[in-house]
Amino acid sequence: MAYEVHIRRKDEANPLTMKDWLNYVEKDKELTYTNHVEITLPNGMTMGMSGEGMAVWKTEVEGEEYKITFTFRDEEISARYVDDFQIEKMKVIANKLNAVVVGDEDEEY
């Protein structure tokens, strides 16, 4: 299983909601809301995922284009870890949502 990074609130009495996330996505011009994403695997097969609460961040780093999919589930926003540039974007999102960025083992970034 891939390593994931998450955005969540420390205050369990005030967890992130889908509404919080969707309001943020609407304001962040770097994110595109979607309810379906597809990727092409190295063997040429296509894998898709559908559901509410997904947003794609397209960015370019050192001439290479990346598409990072953020997914809201279980009171947190998650994405498969790609590289440290992604952590910086997630910190920006977390700051706006009064939240923190943590890894799969609850280490805080």
C-alpha atoms as a PDB file:
ATOM      1  CA  MET A   1       0.000   0.000   0.000  1.00  0.00           C
ATOM      2  CA  ALA A   2       1.202   3.513  -0.805  1.00  0.00           C
ATOM      3  CA  TYR A   3       2.199   5.953   1.905  1.00  0.00           C
ATOM      4  CA  GLU A   4      -0.376   8.700   2.445  1.00  0.00           C
ATOM      5  CA  VAL A   5      -0.294  12.153   3.975  1.00  0.00           C
ATOM      6  CA  HIS A   6      -3.361  13.640   5.659  1.00  0.00           C
ATOM      7  CA  ILE A   7      -4.815  16.969   6.707  1.00  0.00           C
ATOM      8  CA  ARG A   8      -6.818  16.811   9.919  1.00  0.00           C
ATOM      9  CA  ARG A   9      -7.735  18.925  12.870  1.00  0.00           C
ATOM     10  CA  LYS A  10      -6.145  18.241  16.235  1.00  0.00           C
ATOM     11  CA  ASP A  11      -9.352  19.288  17.991  1.00  0.00           C
ATOM     12  CA  GLU A  12     -11.521  16.176  17.793  1.00  0.00           C
ATOM     13  CA  ALA A  13     -14.523  18.228  18.942  1.00  0.00           C
ATOM     14  CA  ASN A  14     -14.212  20.286  15.727  1.00  0.00           C
ATOM     15  CA  PRO A  15     -13.341  17.821  12.938  1.00  0.00           C
ATOM     16  CA  LEU A  16     -13.023  18.705   9.270  1.00  0.00           C
ATOM     17  CA  THR A  17     -16.258  18.348   7.345  1.00  0.00           C
ATOM     18  CA  MET A  18     -17.026  17.775   3.703  1.00  0.00           C
ATOM     19  CA  LYS A  19     -18.483  21.294   3.667  1.00  0.00           C
ATOM     20  CA  ASP A  20     -15.175  22.747   4.958  1.00  0.00           C
ATOM     21  CA  TRP A  21     -13.292  20.917   2.211  1.00  0.00           C
ATOM     22  CA  LEU A  22     -15.657  21.819  -0.624  1.00  0.00           C
ATOM     23  CA  ASN A  23     -15.659  25.482   0.442  1.00  0.00           C
ATOM     24  CA  TYR A  24     -11.864  25.454   0.372  1.00  0.00           C
ATOM     25  CA  VAL A  25     -11.687  23.763  -3.049  1.00  0.00           C
ATOM     26  CA  GLU A  26     -14.053  26.370  -4.480  1.00  0.00           C
ATOM     27  CA  LYS A  27     -11.686  29.170  -3.397  1.00  0.00           C
ATOM     28  CA  ASP A  28      -8.353  27.556  -4.343  1.00  0.00           C
ATOM     29  CA  LYS A  29      -7.814  28.183  -8.065  1.00  0.00           C
ATOM     30  CA  GLU A  30      -5.057  25.532  -8.158  1.00  0.00           C
ATOM     31  CA  LEU A  31      -7.539  22.756  -7.315  1.00  0.00           C
ATOM     32  CA  THR A  32     -10.173  21.248  -9.587  1.00  0.00           C
ATOM     33  CA  TYR A  33     -13.129  19.452  -8.022  1.00  0.00           C
ATOM     34  CA  THR A  34     -13.952  16.071  -9.525  1.00  0.00           C
ATOM     35  CA  ASN A  35     -16.020  13.010  -8.700  1.00  0.00           C
ATOM     36  CA  HIS A  36     -13.948  10.634 -10.873  1.00  0.00           C
ATOM     37  CA  VAL A  37     -10.228  10.163 -11.523  1.00  0.00           C
ATOM     38  CA  GLU A  38      -8.414   7.691 -13.750  1.00  0.00           C
ATOM     39  CA  ILE A  39      -4.782   6.711 -13.965  1.00  0.00           C
ATOM     40  CA  THR A  40      -2.971   4.585 -16.500  1.00  0.00           C
ATOM     41  CA  LEU A  41      -0.826   1.905 -14.905  1.00  0.00           C
ATOM     42  CA  PRO A  42       2.619   0.966 -16.233  1.00  0.00           C
ATOM     43  CA  ASN A  43       1.091  -2.150 -17.850  1.00  0.00           C
ATOM     44  CA  GLY A  44      -1.298   0.052 -19.865  1.00  0.00           C
ATOM     45  CA  MET A  45      -4.424  -0.799 -17.876  1.00  0.00           C
ATOM     46  CA  THR A  46      -6.618   2.021 -16.577  1.00  0.00           C
ATOM     47  CA  MET A  47      -7.761   2.244 -12.978  1.00  0.00           C
ATOM     48  CA  GLY A  48     -10.497   4.610 -11.869  1.00  0.00           C
ATOM     49  CA  MET A  49     -11.971   5.887  -8.630  1.00  0.00           C
ATOM     50  CA  SER A  50     -15.283   7.670  -8.168  1.00  0.00           C
ATOM     51  CA  GLY A  51     -16.803   9.458  -5.229  1.00  0.00           C
ATOM     52  CA  GLU A  52     -17.632  12.769  -3.632  1.00  0.00           C
ATOM     53  CA  GLY A  53     -14.952  15.029  -2.187  1.00  0.00           C
ATOM     54  CA  MET A  54     -12.059  14.635  -4.613  1.00  0.00           C
ATOM     55  CA  ALA A  55      -9.950  17.451  -6.008  1.00  0.00           C
ATOM     56  CA  VAL A  56      -6.961  17.379  -8.330  1.00  0.00           C
ATOM     57  CA  TRP A  57      -3.951  19.654  -7.996  1.00  0.00           C
ATOM     58  CA  LYS A  58      -1.930  20.011 -11.183  1.00  0.00           C
ATOM     59  CA  THR A  59       1.545  21.430 -10.725  1.00  0.00           C
ATOM     60  CA  GLU A  60       4.879  21.461 -12.477  1.00  0.00           C
ATOM     61  CA  VAL A  61       8.147  20.817 -10.655  1.00  0.00           C
ATOM     62  CA  GLU A  62      11.480  21.022 -12.461  1.00  0.00           C
ATOM     63  CA  GLY A  63       9.766  20.639 -15.829  1.00  0.00           C
ATOM     64  CA  GLU A  64       7.745  17.583 -14.823  1.00  0.00           C
ATOM     65  CA  GLU A  65       3.943  17.764 -14.513  1.00  0.00           C
ATOM     66  CA  TYR A  66       2.256  16.168 -11.517  1.00  0.00           C
ATOM     67  CA  LYS A  67      -1.402  15.538 -10.752  1.00  0.00           C
ATOM     68  CA  ILE A  68      -2.086  14.993  -7.071  1.00  0.00           C
ATOM     69  CA  THR A  69      -5.551  13.781  -6.077  1.00  0.00           C
ATOM     70  CA  PHE A  70      -6.820  14.858  -2.676  1.00  0.00           C
ATOM     71  CA  THR A  71      -9.703  12.846  -1.232  1.00  0.00           C
ATOM     72  CA  PHE A  72     -11.944  13.711   1.711  1.00  0.00           C
ATOM     73  CA  ARG A  73     -12.917  10.780   3.910  1.00  0.00           C
ATOM     74  CA  ASP A  74     -13.265  10.073   7.623  1.00  0.00           C
ATOM     75  CA  GLU A  75     -12.918  13.740   8.670  1.00  0.00           C
ATOM     76  CA  GLU A  76      -9.601  14.218   6.870  1.00  0.00           C
ATOM     77  CA  ILE A  77      -8.153  15.078   3.468  1.00  0.00           C
ATOM     78  CA  SER A  78      -5.699  12.491   2.172  1.00  0.00           C
ATOM     79  CA  ALA A  79      -3.332  12.073  -0.755  1.00  0.00           C
ATOM     80  CA  ARG A  80      -0.741   9.512  -1.767  1.00  0.00           C
ATOM     81  CA  TYR A  81       2.698  10.908  -0.963  1.00  0.00           C
ATOM     82  CA  VAL A  82       4.658  11.914  -4.063  1.00  0.00           C
ATOM     83  CA  ASP A  83       7.368  14.339  -2.911  1.00  0.00           C
ATOM     84  CA  ASP A  84       8.107  17.145  -0.450  1.00  0.00           C
ATOM     85  CA  PHE A  85       6.636  19.853  -2.722  1.00  0.00           C
ATOM     86  CA  GLN A  86       3.269  18.252  -2.025  1.00  0.00           C
ATOM     87  CA  ILE A  87       3.759  18.629   1.740  1.00  0.00           C
ATOM     88  CA  GLU A  88       4.175  22.380   1.240  1.00  0.00           C
ATOM     89  CA  LYS A  89       0.849  22.602  -0.643  1.00  0.00           C
ATOM     90  CA  MET A  90      -0.830  20.530   2.049  1.00  0.00           C
ATOM     91  CA  LYS A  91       0.534  22.865   4.741  1.00  0.00           C
ATOM     92  CA  VAL A  92      -1.059  25.815   2.912  1.00  0.00           C
ATOM     93  CA  ILE A  93      -4.397  23.970   2.808  1.00  0.00           C
ATOM     94  CA  ALA A  94      -4.105  22.895   6.463  1.00  0.00           C
ATOM     95  CA  ASN A  95      -3.328  26.456   7.575  1.00  0.00           C
ATOM     96  CA  LYS A  96      -6.481  27.758   5.878  1.00  0.00           C
ATOM     97  CA  LEU A  97      -8.563  24.997   7.492  1.00  0.00           C
ATOM     98  CA  ASN A  98      -7.036  25.368  10.979  1.00  0.00           C
ATOM     99  CA  ALA A  99      -5.598  21.873  10.686  1.00  0.00           C
ATOM    100  CA  VAL A 100      -2.273  20.030  10.554  1.00  0.00           C
ATOM    101  CA  VAL A 101      -0.488  17.746   8.080  1.00  0.00           C
ATOM    102  CA  VAL A 102       0.343  14.263   9.352  1.00  0.00           C
ATOM    103  CA  GLY A 103       1.692  11.056   7.878  1.00  0.00           C
ATOM    104  CA  ASP A 104       0.310   7.525   8.123  1.00  0.00           C
ATOM    105  CA  GLU A 105       2.116   7.049  11.433  1.00  0.00           C
ATOM    106  CA  ASP A 106       0.753  10.331  12.879  1.00  0.00           C
ATOM    107  CA  GLU A 107       4.066  12.189  12.469  1.00  0.00           C
ATOM    108  CA  GLU A 108       3.387  15.890  12.036  1.00  0.00           C
ATOM    109  CA  TYR A 109       4.959  17.870   9.189  1.00  0.00           C
END
